[in-house]
N, C-alpha and C. Protein backbone atom coordinates (compact mmCIF):
# COMPACT_ATOMS: atom_id res chain seq x y z
N MET A 1 1.55 6.12 2.18
CA MET A 1 1.28 5.11 1.07
C MET A 1 0.06 5.37 0.35
N GLN A 2 -1.04 5.68 1.07
CA GLN A 2 -2.21 5.87 0.27
C GLN A 2 -2.13 6.90 -0.75
N THR A 3 -1.45 8.00 -0.48
CA THR A 3 -1.36 9.15 -1.40
C THR A 3 -0.63 8.68 -2.68
N ALA A 4 0.52 7.77 -2.62
CA ALA A 4 1.16 7.28 -3.73
C ALA A 4 0.32 6.39 -4.58
N ILE A 5 -0.41 5.47 -3.92
CA ILE A 5 -1.33 4.58 -4.54
C ILE A 5 -2.27 5.31 -5.40
N GLY A 6 -3.00 6.39 -4.74
CA GLY A 6 -3.93 7.30 -5.45
C GLY A 6 -3.25 7.86 -6.47
N GLN A 7 -2.13 8.51 -6.45
CA GLN A 7 -1.45 9.22 -7.53
C GLN A 7 -1.17 8.24 -8.76
N PHE A 8 -0.59 6.99 -8.39
CA PHE A 8 -0.41 5.97 -9.35
C PHE A 8 -1.81 5.67 -10.09
N GLU A 9 -2.80 5.54 -9.26
CA GLU A 9 -4.14 5.01 -9.96
C GLU A 9 -4.62 6.09 -11.04
N HIS A 10 -4.35 7.36 -10.66
CA HIS A 10 -5.07 8.45 -11.46
C HIS A 10 -3.96 9.01 -12.39
N SER A 11 -2.80 8.44 -12.73
CA SER A 11 -1.87 8.98 -13.53
C SER A 11 -2.08 8.36 -14.82
N ALA A 12 -2.52 9.30 -15.70
CA ALA A 12 -2.72 8.89 -17.18
C ALA A 12 -1.50 8.51 -17.80
N ALA A 13 -0.42 9.17 -17.55
CA ALA A 13 0.80 8.95 -18.12
C ALA A 13 1.47 7.67 -17.84
N LEU A 14 1.23 7.26 -16.61
CA LEU A 14 1.78 5.85 -16.23
C LEU A 14 0.68 4.72 -16.81
N ARG A 15 -0.45 4.94 -16.91
CA ARG A 15 -1.52 4.00 -17.53
C ARG A 15 -1.08 3.92 -19.05
N ASP A 16 -0.91 5.09 -19.71
CA ASP A 16 -0.58 5.01 -21.06
C ASP A 16 0.90 4.31 -21.33
N GLY A 17 1.82 4.64 -20.52
CA GLY A 17 3.15 4.12 -20.55
C GLY A 17 3.19 2.57 -20.37
N LEU A 18 2.47 2.14 -19.31
CA LEU A 18 2.49 0.69 -18.87
C LEU A 18 1.38 -0.16 -19.61
N GLY A 19 0.43 0.51 -20.12
CA GLY A 19 -0.80 -0.38 -20.57
C GLY A 19 -1.58 -0.60 -19.52
N ASP A 20 -2.96 -0.73 -19.85
CA ASP A 20 -3.99 -0.87 -18.80
C ASP A 20 -3.79 -2.08 -18.15
N GLU A 21 -3.48 -3.19 -18.62
CA GLU A 21 -3.45 -4.46 -17.96
C GLU A 21 -2.25 -4.38 -16.75
N VAL A 22 -1.01 -3.98 -17.21
CA VAL A 22 -0.02 -3.88 -16.23
C VAL A 22 -0.21 -2.80 -15.25
N HIS A 23 -0.81 -1.76 -15.50
CA HIS A 23 -1.23 -0.69 -14.64
C HIS A 23 -2.17 -1.12 -13.55
N ARG A 24 -3.21 -2.01 -14.05
CA ARG A 24 -4.19 -2.54 -13.02
C ARG A 24 -3.51 -3.65 -12.11
N HIS A 25 -2.54 -4.39 -12.74
CA HIS A 25 -1.93 -5.35 -11.85
C HIS A 25 -1.17 -4.68 -10.81
N LEU A 26 -0.34 -3.71 -11.21
CA LEU A 26 0.51 -3.00 -10.19
C LEU A 26 -0.36 -2.31 -9.13
N LEU A 27 -1.46 -1.68 -9.49
CA LEU A 27 -2.27 -1.07 -8.63
C LEU A 27 -2.92 -2.09 -7.55
N ALA A 28 -3.25 -3.21 -8.02
CA ALA A 28 -3.94 -4.24 -7.23
C ALA A 28 -2.78 -4.67 -6.30
N LEU A 29 -1.59 -4.79 -6.76
CA LEU A 29 -0.35 -5.25 -5.98
C LEU A 29 -0.04 -4.27 -4.88
N GLY A 30 -0.11 -2.90 -5.20
CA GLY A 30 0.03 -1.89 -4.29
C GLY A 30 -0.91 -1.99 -3.11
N ARG A 31 -2.10 -2.10 -3.62
CA ARG A 31 -3.26 -2.20 -2.50
C ARG A 31 -3.10 -3.30 -1.66
N ALA A 32 -2.66 -4.49 -2.22
CA ALA A 32 -2.63 -5.72 -1.40
C ALA A 32 -1.42 -5.53 -0.43
N GLU A 33 -0.26 -4.92 -0.83
CA GLU A 33 0.88 -4.56 -0.02
C GLU A 33 0.32 -3.72 1.08
N GLN A 34 -0.34 -2.71 0.78
CA GLN A 34 -0.74 -1.69 1.91
C GLN A 34 -1.71 -2.45 2.91
N ASP A 35 -2.60 -3.18 2.37
CA ASP A 35 -3.51 -3.93 3.18
C ASP A 35 -2.76 -4.90 4.16
N ALA A 36 -1.82 -5.56 3.61
CA ALA A 36 -0.96 -6.55 4.45
C ALA A 36 -0.29 -5.67 5.49
N PHE A 37 0.46 -4.59 5.15
CA PHE A 37 1.02 -3.75 6.16
C PHE A 37 0.31 -3.25 7.41
N LEU A 38 -1.09 -2.87 6.81
CA LEU A 38 -1.88 -2.19 7.84
C LEU A 38 -2.63 -3.28 8.75
N THR A 39 -2.75 -4.45 8.35
CA THR A 39 -3.40 -5.64 9.13
C THR A 39 -2.47 -6.58 9.69
N GLU A 40 -1.24 -6.70 9.20
CA GLU A 40 -0.41 -7.86 9.65
C GLU A 40 0.85 -7.37 10.37
N THR A 41 1.23 -6.01 10.28
CA THR A 41 2.41 -5.52 10.74
C THR A 41 2.20 -5.07 12.18
N VAL A 42 3.13 -5.47 13.03
CA VAL A 42 3.13 -4.97 14.54
C VAL A 42 4.47 -4.00 14.46
N THR A 43 4.10 -2.70 14.89
CA THR A 43 5.22 -1.78 14.93
C THR A 43 5.99 -1.90 16.21
N ASP A 44 7.09 -1.38 16.25
CA ASP A 44 7.95 -1.31 17.51
C ASP A 44 7.13 -0.44 18.64
N TRP A 45 6.49 0.57 18.12
CA TRP A 45 5.67 1.35 19.14
C TRP A 45 4.61 0.48 19.78
N GLU A 46 3.95 -0.29 18.90
CA GLU A 46 2.81 -1.19 19.48
C GLU A 46 3.45 -2.23 20.43
N LYS A 47 4.67 -2.77 20.01
CA LYS A 47 5.18 -3.68 20.92
C LYS A 47 5.55 -3.15 22.31
N ARG A 48 6.06 -2.02 22.21
CA ARG A 48 6.42 -1.23 23.58
C ARG A 48 5.22 -0.87 24.30
N ARG A 49 4.27 -0.42 23.64
CA ARG A 49 3.03 0.04 24.32
C ARG A 49 2.17 -1.09 24.96
N PHE A 50 1.90 -2.20 24.26
CA PHE A 50 1.33 -3.20 24.76
C PHE A 50 2.16 -3.97 25.88
N PHE A 51 3.47 -4.04 25.67
CA PHE A 51 4.30 -4.69 26.87
C PHE A 51 4.24 -3.94 28.09
N GLU A 52 4.01 -2.59 27.96
CA GLU A 52 3.89 -1.72 29.19
C GLU A 52 2.51 -2.07 29.94
N ARG A 53 1.52 -2.33 29.25
CA ARG A 53 0.23 -2.62 29.74
C ARG A 53 0.11 -4.00 30.19
N ALA A 54 0.98 -4.89 29.74
CA ALA A 54 0.87 -6.22 30.42
C ALA A 54 1.21 -6.46 31.86
């Protein structure tokens, strides 16, 4: 996901096509979604792993 956000951030074609304001908004939204996923999501692997340790 970081790669996609980085590509979106550095894409002049998307910035030109969407306009600066929309581009910045979508970039902030993508980063917030990524942050939420990385900090709030518990994967199936984590559930199994921590259950085994309990």
